[in-house]
Amino acid sequence: MDNILAHKGYYGIVKYSPDDEVFHGKIEAISDLVTFEGETAKGIKTAFAEAVESYLETCEQVGKTPDKPYTGTFNVRVKADLHRQAAVLSKLRNISLNQLVGEALATYVSRA
């Protein structure tokens, strides 16, 4: 995606406001609200990196552990029959259901 910025493992989605004629966004997938904006493509990239750095510095100053954008843990809801089929397959392959889901996601994402 062309509107996603990344810096030090943090991600931001950039949007454009035609009324204000400015690019803006926020650091995604953390509980804290950290926003950034810029008037140009180069400016928004710089503003995002500065927002991440500022967030990390502020956390350090106040003794807070910075939120991590993705922990590797999430809930997946599927139909009961698919859950059963996946559980059986994981047993047949002698791997955990988490491993099976991870492998399936990796395969799907690599093809996207």
N, C-alpha and C. Protein backbone atom coordinates (compact mmCIF):
# COMPACT_ATOMS: atom_id res chain seq x y z
N MET A 1 0.83 -1.18 0.00
CA MET A 1 0.00 0.00 0.00
C MET A 1 0.88 1.24 0.00
N ASP A 2 0.49 2.19 -0.78
CA ASP A 2 1.28 3.39 -0.93
C ASP A 2 1.10 4.40 0.20
N ASN A 3 0.09 4.23 1.02
CA ASN A 3 -0.17 5.23 2.06
C ASN A 3 0.27 4.78 3.45
N ILE A 4 1.12 3.76 3.53
CA ILE A 4 1.61 3.27 4.82
C ILE A 4 3.08 3.65 4.98
N LEU A 5 3.39 4.26 6.11
CA LEU A 5 4.77 4.61 6.45
C LEU A 5 5.24 3.69 7.57
N ALA A 6 6.53 3.38 7.58
CA ALA A 6 7.10 2.52 8.62
C ALA A 6 8.38 3.15 9.15
N HIS A 7 8.57 3.06 10.48
CA HIS A 7 9.78 3.55 11.12
C HIS A 7 9.92 2.82 12.45
N LYS A 8 11.05 2.13 12.63
CA LYS A 8 11.38 1.42 13.88
C LYS A 8 10.26 0.47 14.33
N GLY A 9 9.63 -0.19 13.37
CA GLY A 9 8.59 -1.16 13.71
C GLY A 9 7.22 -0.56 13.95
N TYR A 10 7.09 0.74 13.79
CA TYR A 10 5.80 1.41 13.94
C TYR A 10 5.28 1.77 12.55
N TYR A 11 3.95 1.83 12.44
CA TYR A 11 3.32 2.10 11.15
C TYR A 11 2.32 3.23 11.28
N GLY A 12 2.23 4.00 10.21
CA GLY A 12 1.25 5.08 10.15
C GLY A 12 0.57 5.05 8.80
N ILE A 13 -0.72 5.34 8.79
CA ILE A 13 -1.47 5.42 7.54
C ILE A 13 -1.70 6.89 7.24
N VAL A 14 -1.30 7.29 6.04
CA VAL A 14 -1.40 8.69 5.63
C VAL A 14 -2.71 8.94 4.90
N LYS A 15 -3.35 10.04 5.27
CA LYS A 15 -4.57 10.49 4.59
C LYS A 15 -4.34 11.93 4.14
N TYR A 16 -5.15 12.38 3.20
CA TYR A 16 -5.04 13.75 2.71
C TYR A 16 -6.34 14.49 2.99
N SER A 17 -6.22 15.70 3.51
CA SER A 17 -7.37 16.56 3.76
C SER A 17 -7.39 17.65 2.71
N PRO A 18 -8.30 17.56 1.72
CA PRO A 18 -8.36 18.60 0.69
C PRO A 18 -8.77 19.96 1.26
N ASP A 19 -9.59 19.97 2.31
CA ASP A 19 -10.00 21.24 2.91
C ASP A 19 -8.82 21.99 3.52
N ASP A 20 -7.96 21.24 4.22
CA ASP A 20 -6.80 21.84 4.88
C ASP A 20 -5.55 21.82 4.02
N GLU A 21 -5.61 21.07 2.90
CA GLU A 21 -4.47 20.90 2.01
C GLU A 21 -3.24 20.39 2.77
N VAL A 22 -3.46 19.33 3.56
CA VAL A 22 -2.38 18.77 4.37
C VAL A 22 -2.53 17.25 4.43
N PHE A 23 -1.38 16.56 4.48
CA PHE A 23 -1.36 15.14 4.74
C PHE A 23 -1.35 14.95 6.26
N HIS A 24 -2.01 13.90 6.74
CA HIS A 24 -2.04 13.67 8.19
C HIS A 24 -2.19 12.18 8.45
N GLY A 25 -1.91 11.80 9.68
CA GLY A 25 -2.05 10.41 10.08
C GLY A 25 -1.78 10.22 11.55
N LYS A 26 -1.79 8.97 11.97
CA LYS A 26 -1.48 8.63 13.36
C LYS A 26 -0.73 7.32 13.37
N ILE A 27 0.01 7.09 14.43
CA ILE A 27 0.68 5.80 14.59
C ILE A 27 -0.41 4.77 14.86
N GLU A 28 -0.41 3.72 14.08
CA GLU A 28 -1.44 2.69 14.17
C GLU A 28 -1.08 1.61 15.18
N ALA A 29 -2.11 0.95 15.68
CA ALA A 29 -1.99 -0.27 16.49
C ALA A 29 -1.29 -0.08 17.83
N ILE A 30 -1.36 1.13 18.38
CA ILE A 30 -0.90 1.36 19.75
C ILE A 30 -2.04 2.02 20.50
N SER A 31 -2.04 1.92 21.82
CA SER A 31 -3.14 2.50 22.60
C SER A 31 -2.99 4.01 22.77
N ASP A 32 -1.76 4.52 22.68
CA ASP A 32 -1.54 5.95 22.79
C ASP A 32 -1.90 6.63 21.47
N LEU A 33 -2.34 7.88 21.56
CA LEU A 33 -2.67 8.64 20.35
C LEU A 33 -1.48 9.51 19.98
N VAL A 34 -0.86 9.19 18.84
CA VAL A 34 0.27 9.95 18.34
C VAL A 34 -0.04 10.30 16.89
N THR A 35 -0.18 11.61 16.61
CA THR A 35 -0.54 12.06 15.28
C THR A 35 0.64 12.80 14.63
N PHE A 36 0.53 12.99 13.32
CA PHE A 36 1.56 13.72 12.58
C PHE A 36 0.92 14.32 11.34
N GLU A 37 1.54 15.38 10.81
CA GLU A 37 1.04 15.97 9.57
C GLU A 37 2.15 16.68 8.82
N GLY A 38 1.93 16.85 7.54
CA GLY A 38 2.90 17.53 6.69
C GLY A 38 2.22 18.04 5.43
N GLU A 39 2.85 18.99 4.78
CA GLU A 39 2.25 19.60 3.59
C GLU A 39 2.69 18.93 2.29
N THR A 40 3.75 18.12 2.35
CA THR A 40 4.26 17.44 1.16
C THR A 40 4.50 15.97 1.47
N ALA A 41 4.74 15.19 0.42
CA ALA A 41 5.04 13.77 0.63
C ALA A 41 6.31 13.62 1.47
N LYS A 42 7.32 14.39 1.14
CA LYS A 42 8.57 14.33 1.91
C LYS A 42 8.33 14.82 3.34
N GLY A 43 7.52 15.85 3.47
CA GLY A 43 7.23 16.39 4.80
C GLY A 43 6.49 15.42 5.69
N ILE A 44 5.57 14.66 5.11
CA ILE A 44 4.80 13.71 5.93
C ILE A 44 5.69 12.56 6.37
N LYS A 45 6.63 12.14 5.52
CA LYS A 45 7.57 11.08 5.91
C LYS A 45 8.43 11.54 7.08
N THR A 46 8.92 12.76 6.99
CA THR A 46 9.74 13.31 8.07
C THR A 46 8.93 13.46 9.35
N ALA A 47 7.70 13.96 9.21
CA ALA A 47 6.84 14.17 10.38
C ALA A 47 6.52 12.85 11.07
N PHE A 48 6.32 11.80 10.28
CA PHE A 48 6.03 10.49 10.87
C PHE A 48 7.23 9.98 11.67
N ALA A 49 8.41 10.03 11.07
CA ALA A 49 9.62 9.56 11.76
C ALA A 49 9.84 10.38 13.04
N GLU A 50 9.63 11.68 12.97
CA GLU A 50 9.77 12.54 14.15
C GLU A 50 8.74 12.19 15.21
N ALA A 51 7.51 11.84 14.80
CA ALA A 51 6.47 11.47 15.76
C ALA A 51 6.84 10.19 16.48
N VAL A 52 7.38 9.22 15.75
CA VAL A 52 7.81 7.96 16.38
C VAL A 52 8.94 8.24 17.37
N GLU A 53 9.93 9.00 16.93
CA GLU A 53 11.08 9.32 17.81
C GLU A 53 10.61 10.06 19.06
N SER A 54 9.72 11.02 18.88
CA SER A 54 9.20 11.80 20.01
C SER A 54 8.42 10.89 20.97
N TYR A 55 7.63 9.99 20.42
CA TYR A 55 6.88 9.04 21.24
C TYR A 55 7.83 8.20 22.08
N LEU A 56 8.85 7.66 21.46
CA LEU A 56 9.81 6.82 22.18
C LEU A 56 10.56 7.61 23.24
N GLU A 57 10.95 8.84 22.93
CA GLU A 57 11.65 9.69 23.90
C GLU A 57 10.74 10.05 25.07
N THR A 58 9.50 10.39 24.78
CA THR A 58 8.55 10.75 25.84
C THR A 58 8.32 9.56 26.76
N CYS A 59 8.15 8.38 26.19
CA CYS A 59 7.97 7.18 27.01
C CYS A 59 9.16 6.97 27.93
N GLU A 60 10.35 7.15 27.39
CA GLU A 60 11.56 6.99 28.20
C GLU A 60 11.61 8.02 29.33
N GLN A 61 11.26 9.25 29.03
CA GLN A 61 11.30 10.33 30.03
C GLN A 61 10.34 10.09 31.18
N VAL A 62 9.16 9.54 30.87
CA VAL A 62 8.17 9.33 31.92
C VAL A 62 8.21 7.92 32.50
N GLY A 63 9.16 7.10 32.03
CA GLY A 63 9.31 5.75 32.57
C GLY A 63 8.24 4.78 32.12
N LYS A 64 7.67 5.01 30.96
CA LYS A 64 6.63 4.14 30.42
C LYS A 64 7.22 3.25 29.34
N THR A 65 6.82 2.00 29.31
CA THR A 65 7.23 1.12 28.23
C THR A 65 6.39 1.47 26.99
N PRO A 66 7.04 1.79 25.87
CA PRO A 66 6.26 2.13 24.67
C PRO A 66 5.42 0.95 24.20
N ASP A 67 4.22 1.26 23.73
CA ASP A 67 3.40 0.20 23.16
C ASP A 67 4.09 -0.38 21.94
N LYS A 68 3.97 -1.66 21.75
CA LYS A 68 4.46 -2.32 20.55
C LYS A 68 3.29 -2.42 19.59
N PRO A 69 3.51 -2.09 18.32
CA PRO A 69 2.39 -2.09 17.39
C PRO A 69 1.75 -3.46 17.19
N TYR A 70 2.53 -4.51 17.17
CA TYR A 70 1.99 -5.84 16.97
C TYR A 70 2.72 -6.82 17.88
N THR A 71 1.97 -7.58 18.62
CA THR A 71 2.56 -8.50 19.60
C THR A 71 2.69 -9.92 19.07
N GLY A 72 2.02 -10.22 17.95
CA GLY A 72 2.03 -11.58 17.44
C GLY A 72 0.87 -12.40 17.98
N THR A 73 0.00 -11.77 18.76
CA THR A 73 -1.15 -12.45 19.33
C THR A 73 -2.42 -11.74 18.90
N PHE A 74 -3.38 -12.52 18.39
CA PHE A 74 -4.68 -11.96 18.05
C PHE A 74 -5.72 -13.08 18.03
N ASN A 75 -6.98 -12.72 18.17
CA ASN A 75 -8.07 -13.69 18.14
C ASN A 75 -8.56 -13.86 16.71
N VAL A 76 -8.87 -15.08 16.35
CA VAL A 76 -9.42 -15.37 15.04
C VAL A 76 -10.75 -16.07 15.25
N ARG A 77 -11.79 -15.58 14.59
CA ARG A 77 -13.10 -16.21 14.70
C ARG A 77 -13.43 -16.83 13.34
N VAL A 78 -13.70 -18.12 13.36
CA VAL A 78 -14.05 -18.84 12.14
C VAL A 78 -15.26 -19.73 12.44
N LYS A 79 -15.85 -20.26 11.39
CA LYS A 79 -16.97 -21.17 11.58
C LYS A 79 -16.48 -22.43 12.28
N ALA A 80 -17.37 -23.04 13.04
CA ALA A 80 -17.02 -24.21 13.85
C ALA A 80 -16.45 -25.35 13.00
N ASP A 81 -17.00 -25.57 11.82
CA ASP A 81 -16.52 -26.65 10.98
C ASP A 81 -15.07 -26.40 10.52
N LEU A 82 -14.75 -25.17 10.16
CA LEU A 82 -13.38 -24.84 9.76
C LEU A 82 -12.43 -25.00 10.94
N HIS A 83 -12.87 -24.60 12.13
CA HIS A 83 -12.08 -24.76 13.35
C HIS A 83 -11.76 -26.25 13.57
N ARG A 84 -12.78 -27.10 13.42
CA ARG A 84 -12.59 -28.53 13.60
C ARG A 84 -11.61 -29.09 12.57
N GLN A 85 -11.79 -28.71 11.31
CA GLN A 85 -10.91 -29.21 10.25
C GLN A 85 -9.46 -28.78 10.50
N ALA A 86 -9.28 -27.55 10.90
CA ALA A 86 -7.93 -27.05 11.17
C ALA A 86 -7.31 -27.78 12.37
N ALA A 87 -8.10 -27.99 13.41
CA ALA A 87 -7.60 -28.69 14.60
C ALA A 87 -7.19 -30.11 14.26
N VAL A 88 -8.00 -30.80 13.47
CA VAL A 88 -7.67 -32.16 13.07
C VAL A 88 -6.40 -32.17 12.23
N LEU A 89 -6.32 -31.26 11.26
CA LEU A 89 -5.13 -31.19 10.41
C LEU A 89 -3.87 -30.91 11.23
N SER A 90 -3.98 -30.03 12.20
CA SER A 90 -2.80 -29.73 13.02
C SER A 90 -2.37 -30.97 13.81
N LYS A 91 -3.33 -31.76 14.29
CA LYS A 91 -3.00 -33.00 15.01
C LYS A 91 -2.33 -34.00 14.06
N LEU A 92 -2.87 -34.12 12.84
CA LEU A 92 -2.30 -35.04 11.86
C LEU A 92 -0.87 -34.65 11.49
N ARG A 93 -0.60 -33.36 11.45
CA ARG A 93 0.75 -32.87 11.10
C ARG A 93 1.65 -32.78 12.33
N ASN A 94 1.09 -33.05 13.52
CA ASN A 94 1.83 -33.00 14.77
C ASN A 94 2.40 -31.61 15.04
N ILE A 95 1.57 -30.59 14.78
CA ILE A 95 1.92 -29.21 15.10
C ILE A 95 0.75 -28.58 15.84
N SER A 96 0.99 -27.46 16.47
CA SER A 96 -0.09 -26.79 17.19
C SER A 96 -1.03 -26.08 16.20
N LEU A 97 -2.22 -25.81 16.66
CA LEU A 97 -3.17 -25.06 15.83
C LEU A 97 -2.61 -23.67 15.52
N ASN A 98 -1.92 -23.06 16.48
CA ASN A 98 -1.29 -21.76 16.23
C ASN A 98 -0.26 -21.85 15.11
N GLN A 99 0.53 -22.91 15.09
CA GLN A 99 1.52 -23.09 14.02
C GLN A 99 0.83 -23.23 12.68
N LEU A 100 -0.25 -24.01 12.64
CA LEU A 100 -0.99 -24.22 11.39
C LEU A 100 -1.53 -22.89 10.86
N VAL A 101 -2.14 -22.11 11.75
CA VAL A 101 -2.69 -20.81 11.34
C VAL A 101 -1.57 -19.88 10.89
N GLY A 102 -0.46 -19.88 11.61
CA GLY A 102 0.69 -19.06 11.22
C GLY A 102 1.21 -19.42 9.84
N GLU A 103 1.34 -20.72 9.57
CA GLU A 103 1.80 -21.18 8.26
C GLU A 103 0.82 -20.78 7.16
N ALA A 104 -0.47 -20.92 7.44
CA ALA A 104 -1.50 -20.57 6.45
C ALA A 104 -1.45 -19.07 6.17
N LEU A 105 -1.33 -18.26 7.20
CA LEU A 105 -1.24 -16.80 7.00
C LEU A 105 0.02 -16.43 6.22
N ALA A 106 1.14 -17.04 6.55
CA ALA A 106 2.39 -16.75 5.85
C ALA A 106 2.26 -17.09 4.37
N THR A 107 1.66 -18.22 4.08
CA THR A 107 1.46 -18.62 2.68
C THR A 107 0.55 -17.63 1.96
N TYR A 108 -0.55 -17.27 2.59
CA TYR A 108 -1.50 -16.33 1.99
C TYR A 108 -0.87 -14.96 1.75
N VAL A 109 -0.18 -14.45 2.75
CA VAL A 109 0.42 -13.11 2.65
C VAL A 109 1.53 -13.08 1.60
N SER A 110 2.31 -14.15 1.51
CA SER A 110 3.40 -14.17 0.53
C SER A 110 2.87 -14.17 -0.90
N ARG A 111 1.65 -14.63 -1.09
CA ARG A 111 1.05 -14.64 -2.43
C ARG A 111 0.34 -13.36 -2.78
N ALA A 112 0.06 -12.54 -1.78
CA ALA A 112 -0.71 -11.30 -2.00
C ALA A 112 0.09 -10.23 -2.72
